[in-house]
Amino acid sequence: MNDLFFTMIKEQFDWGWAGADKSYVAGYVKNGIITAEQYQEIVGESYVAQV
């Protein structure tokens, strides 16, 4: 199921859907939906957790 979420989030970010920005993708990492490595693959930058 994780691969399905990854693909969905990547497509939303790539297509520029409303609200699909870096903070949107980071929210999925924070909630454990995707990994930090997947975040980097989607946005092209390393994930840095917000404290």
C-alpha atoms as a PDB file:
ATOM      1  CA  MET A   1       0.000   0.000   0.000  1.00  0.00           C
ATOM      2  CA  ASN A   2       2.956   2.310   0.689  1.00  0.00           C
ATOM      3  CA  ASP A   3       3.921   2.178  -2.999  1.00  0.00           C
ATOM      4  CA  LEU A   4       0.417   3.253  -3.983  1.00  0.00           C
ATOM      5  CA  PHE A   5       0.564   6.300  -1.695  1.00  0.00           C
ATOM      6  CA  PHE A   6       4.065   7.134  -2.944  1.00  0.00           C
ATOM      7  CA  THR A   7       2.920   7.032  -6.572  1.00  0.00           C
ATOM      8  CA  MET A   8      -0.184   9.099  -5.826  1.00  0.00           C
ATOM      9  CA  ILE A   9       1.755  11.780  -3.920  1.00  0.00           C
ATOM     10  CA  LYS A  10       4.509  11.910  -6.562  1.00  0.00           C
ATOM     11  CA  GLU A  11       1.980  12.412  -9.356  1.00  0.00           C
ATOM     12  CA  GLN A  12       0.171  15.148  -7.425  1.00  0.00           C
ATOM     13  CA  PHE A  13       3.461  16.973  -6.814  1.00  0.00           C
ATOM     14  CA  ASP A  14       4.685  16.504 -10.401  1.00  0.00           C
ATOM     15  CA  TRP A  15       1.403  17.717 -11.864  1.00  0.00           C
ATOM     16  CA  GLY A  16       1.293  20.746  -9.567  1.00  0.00           C
ATOM     17  CA  TRP A  17      -2.084  19.956  -8.053  1.00  0.00           C
ATOM     18  CA  ALA A  18      -3.432  22.586  -5.668  1.00  0.00           C
ATOM     19  CA  GLY A  19      -1.721  22.293  -2.307  1.00  0.00           C
ATOM     20  CA  ALA A  20       0.802  19.697  -3.472  1.00  0.00           C
ATOM     21  CA  ASP A  21       3.958  21.521  -2.407  1.00  0.00           C
ATOM     22  CA  LYS A  22       6.963  20.503  -0.307  1.00  0.00           C
ATOM     23  CA  SER A  23       5.142  21.011   2.995  1.00  0.00           C
ATOM     24  CA  TYR A  24       2.276  18.850   1.705  1.00  0.00           C
ATOM     25  CA  VAL A  25       4.703  16.029   0.900  1.00  0.00           C
ATOM     26  CA  ALA A  26       6.564  16.528   4.217  1.00  0.00           C
ATOM     27  CA  GLY A  27       3.277  15.974   6.052  1.00  0.00           C
ATOM     28  CA  TYR A  28       3.129  12.469   4.638  1.00  0.00           C
ATOM     29  CA  VAL A  29       6.642  11.748   5.935  1.00  0.00           C
ATOM     30  CA  LYS A  30       5.740  13.110   9.370  1.00  0.00           C
ATOM     31  CA  ASN A  31       2.675  10.851   9.480  1.00  0.00           C
ATOM     32  CA  GLY A  32       4.604   7.772   8.326  1.00  0.00           C
ATOM     33  CA  ILE A  33       2.852   7.419   4.963  1.00  0.00           C
ATOM     34  CA  ILE A  34       6.084   7.732   2.943  1.00  0.00           C
ATOM     35  CA  THR A  35       9.760   7.575   3.916  1.00  0.00           C
ATOM     36  CA  ALA A  36      12.344  10.359   3.946  1.00  0.00           C
ATOM     37  CA  GLU A  37      13.998   8.657   0.968  1.00  0.00           C
ATOM     38  CA  GLN A  38      10.719   8.761  -0.944  1.00  0.00           C
ATOM     39  CA  TYR A  39      10.348  12.444  -0.038  1.00  0.00           C
ATOM     40  CA  GLN A  40      13.759  13.098  -1.572  1.00  0.00           C
ATOM     41  CA  GLU A  41      12.772  11.199  -4.714  1.00  0.00           C
ATOM     42  CA  ILE A  42       9.583  13.269  -5.055  1.00  0.00           C
ATOM     43  CA  VAL A  43      10.852  16.801  -4.343  1.00  0.00           C
ATOM     44  CA  GLY A  44      14.552  16.377  -5.132  1.00  0.00           C
ATOM     45  CA  GLU A  45      15.734  17.589  -1.720  1.00  0.00           C
ATOM     46  CA  SER A  46      16.599  15.868   1.542  1.00  0.00           C
ATOM     47  CA  TYR A  47      13.864  15.695   4.159  1.00  0.00           C
ATOM     48  CA  VAL A  48      14.553  17.780   7.262  1.00  0.00           C
ATOM     49  CA  ALA A  49      12.110  17.171  10.104  1.00  0.00           C
ATOM     50  CA  GLN A  50      10.402  20.250  11.497  1.00  0.00           C
ATOM     51  CA  VAL A  51      10.588  20.357  15.280  1.00  0.00           C
END
